[in-house]
Amino acid sequence: MEELICSVEFLRGGGELVARVSSEAGGVREYRAGAADDVIEQVINDLQEEFESAPAS
């Protein structure tokens, strides 16, 4: 059975890229950067930390 563990949205507006991440453990948070690489790196680092510290289900 599949289970949704997080949702990630990427939006562009006002000359910057916004990533909106939502998960049960971390809630909703946003990351902003002028370059896609920068905001994607922020999201990756955050999710790695969250899921490495989460107990296995």
C-alpha atoms as a PDB file:
ATOM      1  CA  MET A   1       0.000   0.000   0.000  1.00  0.00           C
ATOM      2  CA  GLU A   2       1.267   3.484  -0.843  1.00  0.00           C
ATOM      3  CA  GLU A   3       1.291   6.266   1.695  1.00  0.00           C
ATOM      4  CA  LEU A   4       1.847   9.971   1.029  1.00  0.00           C
ATOM      5  CA  ILE A   5       4.789  11.066   3.172  1.00  0.00           C
ATOM      6  CA  CYS A   6       5.325  14.566   1.799  1.00  0.00           C
ATOM      7  CA  SER A   7       4.178  17.012  -0.821  1.00  0.00           C
ATOM      8  CA  VAL A   8       6.465  19.435  -2.657  1.00  0.00           C
ATOM      9  CA  GLU A   9       5.267  22.321  -4.841  1.00  0.00           C
ATOM     10  CA  PHE A  10       7.518  24.573  -6.895  1.00  0.00           C
ATOM     11  CA  LEU A  11       6.198  28.027  -7.778  1.00  0.00           C
ATOM     12  CA  ARG A  12       7.786  30.921  -9.639  1.00  0.00           C
ATOM     13  CA  GLY A  13       6.897  34.483  -8.856  1.00  0.00           C
ATOM     14  CA  GLY A  14       8.512  37.860  -8.444  1.00  0.00           C
ATOM     15  CA  GLY A  15      11.817  36.735  -9.917  1.00  0.00           C
ATOM     16  CA  GLU A  16      12.325  33.913  -7.447  1.00  0.00           C
ATOM     17  CA  LEU A  17      11.494  30.235  -7.122  1.00  0.00           C
ATOM     18  CA  VAL A  18       9.455  29.134  -4.123  1.00  0.00           C
ATOM     19  CA  ALA A  19       9.298  25.567  -2.862  1.00  0.00           C
ATOM     20  CA  ARG A  20       6.447  24.700  -0.524  1.00  0.00           C
ATOM     21  CA  VAL A  21       7.015  21.462   1.374  1.00  0.00           C
ATOM     22  CA  SER A  22       4.370  19.778   3.495  1.00  0.00           C
ATOM     23  CA  SER A  23       4.828  16.682   5.639  1.00  0.00           C
ATOM     24  CA  GLU A  24       3.222  15.236   8.721  1.00  0.00           C
ATOM     25  CA  ALA A  25       6.411  15.495  10.790  1.00  0.00           C
ATOM     26  CA  GLY A  26       7.598  18.907   9.594  1.00  0.00           C
ATOM     27  CA  GLY A  27       4.348  20.687   8.801  1.00  0.00           C
ATOM     28  CA  VAL A  28       4.304  23.260   5.993  1.00  0.00           C
ATOM     29  CA  ARG A  29       7.382  25.313   5.216  1.00  0.00           C
ATOM     30  CA  GLU A  30       8.635  27.427   2.327  1.00  0.00           C
ATOM     31  CA  TYR A  31      12.044  27.974   0.780  1.00  0.00           C
ATOM     32  CA  ARG A  32      12.875  30.854  -1.558  1.00  0.00           C
ATOM     33  CA  ALA A  33      15.823  31.462  -3.853  1.00  0.00           C
ATOM     34  CA  GLY A  34      16.620  33.204  -7.105  1.00  0.00           C
ATOM     35  CA  ALA A  35      17.994  30.048  -8.724  1.00  0.00           C
ATOM     36  CA  ALA A  36      16.318  26.658  -9.041  1.00  0.00           C
ATOM     37  CA  ASP A  37      19.476  24.820  -7.935  1.00  0.00           C
ATOM     38  CA  ASP A  38      19.538  26.761  -4.667  1.00  0.00           C
ATOM     39  CA  VAL A  39      15.934  26.143  -3.671  1.00  0.00           C
ATOM     40  CA  ILE A  40      16.077  22.472  -4.708  1.00  0.00           C
ATOM     41  CA  GLU A  41      19.212  21.985  -2.602  1.00  0.00           C
ATOM     42  CA  GLN A  42      17.423  23.510   0.410  1.00  0.00           C
ATOM     43  CA  VAL A  43      14.473  21.129  -0.053  1.00  0.00           C
ATOM     44  CA  ILE A  44      16.722  18.081  -0.459  1.00  0.00           C
ATOM     45  CA  ASN A  45      18.744  18.892   2.666  1.00  0.00           C
ATOM     46  CA  ASP A  46      15.614  19.480   4.750  1.00  0.00           C
ATOM     47  CA  LEU A  47      13.908  16.273   3.632  1.00  0.00           C
ATOM     48  CA  GLN A  48      17.062  14.206   4.147  1.00  0.00           C
ATOM     49  CA  GLU A  49      17.341  15.463   7.723  1.00  0.00           C
ATOM     50  CA  GLU A  50      13.643  14.875   8.371  1.00  0.00           C
ATOM     51  CA  PHE A  51      13.516  11.329   7.046  1.00  0.00           C
ATOM     52  CA  GLU A  52      16.885  10.213   8.427  1.00  0.00           C
ATOM     53  CA  SER A  53      15.745  11.155  11.929  1.00  0.00           C
ATOM     54  CA  ALA A  54      12.207   9.759  11.551  1.00  0.00           C
ATOM     55  CA  PRO A  55      11.467   6.367  13.107  1.00  0.00           C
ATOM     56  CA  ALA A  56      10.824   3.569  10.601  1.00  0.00           C
ATOM     57  CA  SER A  57       7.140   2.719  10.224  1.00  0.00           C
END
